[in-house]
Every structure is written in structure tokens, then in C-alpha cells.
Amino acid sequence: MEEYPTTPDGLDDVVFVVNWRRNAVEQIDDKLYTADTFGRLPVPAPSPEDFTPYPDLTFEQVCGWLEAGLDTAEIDAGLAAQIEKLINPTVVSLPLPWATPPTPPNPEI
């Protein structure tokens, strides 16, 4: 989280941005496919009446800000699309057709 040390209305350590990361994992047989995304969520300035001091913030409270401010269904759809591209790639990199693979060293020498 990013915070202002002080604000004009006398509040200290006021969070104004929550940095977040969300990931997804899918296992097919013995292979794991993972995807992640991240971003920043601006937090509205609190009023002195509803301000929670920084040391008193809870995980649940900050997650509530994220749930209220993010479209998690859209984020999850993007993660699922990333995983689908890993499982069924539309672009692949092949070795150069003229390149000769290196010869392994002879262990008998």
C-alpha cells in the first residue's frame, strides 16, 4: 500500500493506493499452468469520521476495498485466457531449421 504521511485535515498515514496481485493455477495431469496479473487501485480519501488508522487496518478491510473497486470476474477471465494460451498456444518458437544440434561430449575420451 502507498500512503500519505500526513494530510491537510490532520490524518496520518492515509492509504491512497493498494497494489494488488492475483494469480490462477490449473493442473492437467502432472503439468501446472500458472498465470498472474497485478495492478493498482486508488483508494478514495477518507473523512475524519470514517478513518481507520494505518496500524489498525485489517487484511479483511483492505480486501473489501479491492472487492469493491475491482472487477474480479473480468480479472479471472483474463487469467483463464492466459492459461488457455499456455495449454493451447497460438504461437510457438521452433528451432532454426538449418541449425545443427550440438554434439554431446564423448565420455570415453
N, C-alpha and C. Protein backbone atom coordinates (compact mmCIF):
# COMPACT_ATOMS: atom_id res chain seq x y z
N MET A 1 0.84 -1.17 0.00
CA MET A 1 0.00 0.00 0.00
C MET A 1 0.89 1.23 0.00
N GLU A 2 0.36 2.28 -0.59
CA GLU A 2 1.05 3.56 -0.58
C GLU A 2 0.21 4.52 0.25
N GLU A 3 0.90 5.37 1.00
CA GLU A 3 0.17 6.24 1.90
C GLU A 3 0.80 7.63 1.96
N TYR A 4 -0.03 8.59 2.35
CA TYR A 4 0.44 9.95 2.63
C TYR A 4 0.81 10.01 4.11
N PRO A 5 2.01 10.50 4.43
CA PRO A 5 2.39 10.59 5.84
C PRO A 5 1.42 11.47 6.65
N THR A 6 1.00 12.58 6.06
CA THR A 6 0.00 13.46 6.70
C THR A 6 -0.87 14.06 5.62
N THR A 7 -2.06 14.47 6.00
CA THR A 7 -2.98 15.12 5.06
C THR A 7 -3.37 16.48 5.62
N PRO A 8 -3.92 17.36 4.77
CA PRO A 8 -4.32 18.70 5.24
C PRO A 8 -5.35 18.66 6.38
N ASP A 9 -6.16 17.59 6.43
CA ASP A 9 -7.16 17.54 7.51
C ASP A 9 -6.63 16.86 8.77
N GLY A 10 -5.30 16.69 8.86
CA GLY A 10 -4.69 16.22 10.10
C GLY A 10 -4.63 14.72 10.28
N LEU A 11 -4.93 13.94 9.24
CA LEU A 11 -4.85 12.48 9.36
C LEU A 11 -3.44 12.03 9.01
N ASP A 12 -2.97 11.00 9.70
CA ASP A 12 -1.62 10.48 9.46
C ASP A 12 -1.68 9.12 8.78
N ASP A 13 -0.70 8.88 7.90
CA ASP A 13 -0.54 7.58 7.22
C ASP A 13 -1.83 7.14 6.53
N VAL A 14 -2.28 7.95 5.59
CA VAL A 14 -3.54 7.71 4.87
C VAL A 14 -3.24 6.94 3.58
N VAL A 15 -3.77 5.74 3.48
CA VAL A 15 -3.58 4.91 2.28
C VAL A 15 -4.33 5.56 1.13
N PHE A 16 -3.63 5.69 -0.02
CA PHE A 16 -4.30 6.23 -1.21
C PHE A 16 -4.22 5.28 -2.39
N VAL A 17 -3.39 4.24 -2.30
CA VAL A 17 -3.29 3.23 -3.36
C VAL A 17 -3.04 1.87 -2.72
N VAL A 18 -3.73 0.87 -3.24
CA VAL A 18 -3.45 -0.52 -2.85
C VAL A 18 -2.89 -1.21 -4.09
N ASN A 19 -1.67 -1.72 -3.98
CA ASN A 19 -1.07 -2.52 -5.04
C ASN A 19 -1.52 -3.96 -4.83
N TRP A 20 -1.98 -4.61 -5.91
CA TRP A 20 -2.52 -5.95 -5.76
C TRP A 20 -1.97 -6.88 -6.83
N ARG A 21 -2.06 -8.18 -6.56
CA ARG A 21 -1.66 -9.23 -7.49
C ARG A 21 -2.66 -10.37 -7.33
N ARG A 22 -3.08 -10.94 -8.45
CA ARG A 22 -4.00 -12.09 -8.44
C ARG A 22 -3.42 -13.14 -9.36
N ASN A 23 -3.50 -14.40 -8.95
CA ASN A 23 -2.96 -15.46 -9.79
C ASN A 23 -3.96 -16.61 -9.90
N ALA A 24 -3.69 -17.47 -10.88
CA ALA A 24 -4.52 -18.65 -11.12
C ALA A 24 -3.60 -19.79 -11.50
N VAL A 25 -4.00 -20.98 -11.14
CA VAL A 25 -3.23 -22.19 -11.42
C VAL A 25 -4.20 -23.25 -11.92
N GLU A 26 -3.78 -23.96 -12.97
CA GLU A 26 -4.56 -25.09 -13.45
C GLU A 26 -3.61 -26.26 -13.64
N GLN A 27 -4.00 -27.41 -13.15
CA GLN A 27 -3.17 -28.61 -13.30
C GLN A 27 -3.87 -29.56 -14.26
N ILE A 28 -3.11 -30.00 -15.26
CA ILE A 28 -3.59 -31.01 -16.20
C ILE A 28 -2.57 -32.13 -16.16
N ASP A 29 -3.02 -33.29 -15.72
CA ASP A 29 -2.13 -34.43 -15.47
C ASP A 29 -1.05 -33.98 -14.48
N ASP A 30 0.20 -34.04 -14.88
CA ASP A 30 1.27 -33.66 -13.95
C ASP A 30 1.87 -32.30 -14.29
N LYS A 31 1.21 -31.53 -15.15
CA LYS A 31 1.73 -30.23 -15.56
C LYS A 31 0.89 -29.10 -14.97
N LEU A 32 1.59 -28.11 -14.40
CA LEU A 32 0.94 -26.94 -13.84
C LEU A 32 1.04 -25.77 -14.81
N TYR A 33 -0.06 -25.07 -15.00
CA TYR A 33 -0.09 -23.86 -15.79
C TYR A 33 -0.45 -22.72 -14.84
N THR A 34 0.33 -21.65 -14.87
CA THR A 34 0.08 -20.54 -13.96
C THR A 34 -0.02 -19.23 -14.74
N ALA A 35 -0.82 -18.34 -14.21
CA ALA A 35 -0.97 -17.01 -14.79
C ALA A 35 -1.12 -16.04 -13.64
N ASP A 36 -0.68 -14.81 -13.86
CA ASP A 36 -0.91 -13.79 -12.83
C ASP A 36 -1.06 -12.42 -13.48
N THR A 37 -1.61 -11.54 -12.71
CA THR A 37 -1.78 -10.16 -13.13
C THR A 37 -1.68 -9.29 -11.88
N PHE A 38 -1.46 -8.03 -12.09
CA PHE A 38 -1.33 -7.12 -10.96
C PHE A 38 -1.78 -5.73 -11.37
N GLY A 39 -1.96 -4.89 -10.39
CA GLY A 39 -2.38 -3.53 -10.68
C GLY A 39 -2.37 -2.67 -9.44
N ARG A 40 -2.94 -1.50 -9.60
CA ARG A 40 -3.02 -0.53 -8.51
C ARG A 40 -4.46 -0.05 -8.42
N LEU A 41 -4.97 0.02 -7.23
CA LEU A 41 -6.32 0.52 -7.02
C LEU A 41 -6.26 1.79 -6.18
N PRO A 42 -6.66 2.93 -6.75
CA PRO A 42 -6.73 4.15 -5.95
C PRO A 42 -7.81 4.01 -4.88
N VAL A 43 -7.53 4.50 -3.71
CA VAL A 43 -8.47 4.45 -2.60
C VAL A 43 -8.98 5.88 -2.35
N PRO A 44 -10.30 6.05 -2.27
CA PRO A 44 -10.81 7.40 -2.01
C PRO A 44 -10.31 7.93 -0.66
N ALA A 45 -10.17 9.23 -0.58
CA ALA A 45 -9.73 9.86 0.66
C ALA A 45 -10.80 9.65 1.73
N PRO A 46 -10.39 9.25 2.93
CA PRO A 46 -11.37 9.05 3.99
C PRO A 46 -11.77 10.38 4.63
N SER A 47 -12.90 10.37 5.27
CA SER A 47 -13.27 11.53 6.09
C SER A 47 -12.73 11.25 7.49
N PRO A 48 -12.53 12.28 8.28
CA PRO A 48 -12.05 12.04 9.65
C PRO A 48 -12.98 11.12 10.45
N GLU A 49 -14.27 11.09 10.11
CA GLU A 49 -15.24 10.25 10.84
C GLU A 49 -15.10 8.77 10.51
N ASP A 50 -14.69 8.43 9.27
CA ASP A 50 -14.62 7.00 8.91
C ASP A 50 -13.18 6.53 8.70
N PHE A 51 -12.21 7.27 9.19
CA PHE A 51 -10.80 6.95 9.02
C PHE A 51 -10.37 5.84 9.97
N THR A 52 -9.66 4.86 9.43
CA THR A 52 -9.05 3.82 10.25
C THR A 52 -7.55 4.08 10.26
N PRO A 53 -6.95 4.27 11.44
CA PRO A 53 -5.50 4.48 11.49
C PRO A 53 -4.75 3.31 10.85
N TYR A 54 -3.66 3.63 10.18
CA TYR A 54 -2.90 2.62 9.45
C TYR A 54 -2.61 1.37 10.29
N PRO A 55 -2.13 1.50 11.53
CA PRO A 55 -1.83 0.29 12.31
C PRO A 55 -3.06 -0.56 12.61
N ASP A 56 -4.25 0.03 12.47
CA ASP A 56 -5.48 -0.71 12.78
C ASP A 56 -6.15 -1.32 11.55
N LEU A 57 -5.60 -1.06 10.35
CA LEU A 57 -6.16 -1.67 9.14
C LEU A 57 -6.03 -3.19 9.24
N THR A 58 -7.05 -3.87 8.74
CA THR A 58 -7.02 -5.33 8.73
C THR A 58 -6.96 -5.83 7.30
N PHE A 59 -6.53 -7.05 7.15
CA PHE A 59 -6.50 -7.71 5.85
C PHE A 59 -7.89 -7.70 5.24
N GLU A 60 -8.89 -8.00 6.04
CA GLU A 60 -10.27 -8.06 5.55
C GLU A 60 -10.74 -6.70 5.05
N GLN A 61 -10.37 -5.63 5.76
CA GLN A 61 -10.79 -4.29 5.35
C GLN A 61 -10.17 -3.93 4.01
N VAL A 62 -8.88 -4.18 3.84
CA VAL A 62 -8.22 -3.84 2.59
C VAL A 62 -8.75 -4.72 1.45
N CYS A 63 -9.00 -6.00 1.72
CA CYS A 63 -9.60 -6.87 0.70
C CYS A 63 -11.00 -6.36 0.31
N GLY A 64 -11.72 -5.80 1.27
CA GLY A 64 -13.02 -5.21 0.97
C GLY A 64 -12.90 -4.05 0.00
N TRP A 65 -11.86 -3.24 0.18
CA TRP A 65 -11.62 -2.14 -0.77
C TRP A 65 -11.39 -2.71 -2.17
N LEU A 66 -10.58 -3.78 -2.23
CA LEU A 66 -10.28 -4.38 -3.54
C LEU A 66 -11.53 -4.97 -4.17
N GLU A 67 -12.32 -5.69 -3.38
CA GLU A 67 -13.54 -6.30 -3.92
C GLU A 67 -14.52 -5.24 -4.42
N ALA A 68 -14.58 -4.11 -3.73
CA ALA A 68 -15.49 -3.04 -4.14
C ALA A 68 -14.98 -2.30 -5.38
N GLY A 69 -13.66 -2.25 -5.56
CA GLY A 69 -13.11 -1.43 -6.63
C GLY A 69 -12.64 -2.17 -7.86
N LEU A 70 -12.55 -3.49 -7.79
CA LEU A 70 -12.05 -4.26 -8.94
C LEU A 70 -13.16 -5.13 -9.52
N ASP A 71 -13.08 -5.38 -10.82
CA ASP A 71 -13.98 -6.32 -11.48
C ASP A 71 -13.29 -7.67 -11.48
N THR A 72 -13.45 -8.42 -10.38
CA THR A 72 -12.73 -9.69 -10.25
C THR A 72 -13.16 -10.71 -11.30
N ALA A 73 -14.41 -10.66 -11.75
CA ALA A 73 -14.84 -11.59 -12.81
C ALA A 73 -14.05 -11.35 -14.09
N GLU A 74 -13.84 -10.08 -14.43
CA GLU A 74 -13.06 -9.74 -15.62
C GLU A 74 -11.59 -10.14 -15.43
N ILE A 75 -11.06 -9.90 -14.25
CA ILE A 75 -9.67 -10.28 -13.98
C ILE A 75 -9.51 -11.79 -14.08
N ASP A 76 -10.44 -12.54 -13.50
CA ASP A 76 -10.37 -14.00 -13.56
C ASP A 76 -10.52 -14.52 -14.99
N ALA A 77 -11.36 -13.87 -15.79
CA ALA A 77 -11.50 -14.26 -17.20
C ALA A 77 -10.18 -14.04 -17.94
N GLY A 78 -9.49 -12.95 -17.64
CA GLY A 78 -8.19 -12.70 -18.26
C GLY A 78 -7.15 -13.74 -17.86
N LEU A 79 -7.17 -14.14 -16.59
CA LEU A 79 -6.25 -15.19 -16.12
C LEU A 79 -6.56 -16.52 -16.80
N ALA A 80 -7.84 -16.83 -16.94
CA ALA A 80 -8.23 -18.07 -17.62
C ALA A 80 -7.78 -18.05 -19.08
N ALA A 81 -7.86 -16.89 -19.73
CA ALA A 81 -7.42 -16.77 -21.12
C ALA A 81 -5.90 -16.95 -21.21
N GLN A 82 -5.15 -16.41 -20.24
CA GLN A 82 -3.69 -16.62 -20.22
C GLN A 82 -3.36 -18.11 -20.13
N ILE A 83 -4.05 -18.81 -19.23
CA ILE A 83 -3.80 -20.24 -19.05
C ILE A 83 -4.19 -21.01 -20.31
N GLU A 84 -5.30 -20.65 -20.93
CA GLU A 84 -5.73 -21.33 -22.16
C GLU A 84 -4.67 -21.19 -23.25
N LYS A 85 -4.03 -20.00 -23.36
CA LYS A 85 -2.97 -19.81 -24.35
C LYS A 85 -1.73 -20.64 -24.02
N LEU A 86 -1.50 -20.88 -22.74
CA LEU A 86 -0.37 -21.75 -22.38
C LEU A 86 -0.67 -23.20 -22.74
N ILE A 87 -1.91 -23.62 -22.53
CA ILE A 87 -2.30 -25.00 -22.83
C ILE A 87 -2.39 -25.22 -24.33
N ASN A 88 -2.96 -24.26 -25.04
CA ASN A 88 -3.16 -24.34 -26.50
C ASN A 88 -2.56 -23.10 -27.15
N PRO A 89 -1.23 -23.06 -27.28
CA PRO A 89 -0.61 -21.85 -27.82
C PRO A 89 -0.99 -21.59 -29.27
N THR A 90 -1.13 -20.32 -29.61
CA THR A 90 -1.41 -19.92 -30.98
C THR A 90 -0.14 -19.52 -31.70
N VAL A 91 0.94 -19.34 -30.95
CA VAL A 91 2.25 -19.00 -31.50
C VAL A 91 3.28 -19.88 -30.79
N VAL A 92 4.19 -20.47 -31.57
CA VAL A 92 5.26 -21.28 -30.99
C VAL A 92 6.59 -20.87 -31.59
N SER A 93 7.66 -21.12 -30.87
CA SER A 93 9.02 -20.87 -31.37
C SER A 93 9.67 -22.21 -31.66
N LEU A 94 10.05 -22.40 -32.90
CA LEU A 94 10.71 -23.64 -33.32
C LEU A 94 12.21 -23.38 -33.47
N PRO A 95 13.03 -24.45 -33.37
CA PRO A 95 14.46 -24.25 -33.59
C PRO A 95 14.70 -23.89 -35.06
N LEU A 96 15.79 -23.20 -35.31
CA LEU A 96 16.13 -22.84 -36.69
C LEU A 96 16.35 -24.12 -37.49
N PRO A 97 15.76 -24.23 -38.70
CA PRO A 97 15.85 -25.48 -39.46
C PRO A 97 17.27 -25.80 -39.93
N TRP A 98 18.12 -24.80 -40.07
CA TRP A 98 19.48 -25.04 -40.53
C TRP A 98 20.47 -25.24 -39.39
N ALA A 99 20.03 -25.06 -38.18
CA ALA A 99 20.93 -25.21 -37.03
C ALA A 99 21.13 -26.68 -36.71
N THR A 100 22.36 -27.06 -36.51
CA THR A 100 22.68 -28.43 -36.13
C THR A 100 22.75 -28.51 -34.61
N PRO A 101 22.05 -29.48 -34.02
CA PRO A 101 22.14 -29.59 -32.57
C PRO A 101 23.58 -29.88 -32.15
N PRO A 102 24.03 -29.37 -31.03
CA PRO A 102 25.40 -29.64 -30.59
C PRO A 102 25.62 -31.13 -30.33
N THR A 103 26.82 -31.57 -30.63
CA THR A 103 27.18 -32.96 -30.39
C THR A 103 27.55 -33.13 -28.92
N PRO A 104 26.93 -34.12 -28.26
CA PRO A 104 27.28 -34.32 -26.86
C PRO A 104 28.74 -34.78 -26.74
N PRO A 105 29.41 -34.43 -25.66
CA PRO A 105 30.80 -34.85 -25.49
C PRO A 105 30.89 -36.37 -25.39
N ASN A 106 32.01 -36.89 -25.87
CA ASN A 106 32.24 -38.33 -25.82
C ASN A 106 32.81 -38.68 -24.44
N PRO A 107 32.08 -39.45 -23.63
CA PRO A 107 32.57 -39.75 -22.29
C PRO A 107 33.75 -40.72 -22.28
N GLU A 108 34.06 -41.35 -23.41
CA GLU A 108 35.15 -42.34 -23.46
C GLU A 108 36.51 -41.70 -23.70
N ILE A 109 36.57 -40.42 -23.96
CA ILE A 109 37.85 -39.77 -24.25
C ILE A 109 38.54 -39.40 -22.97
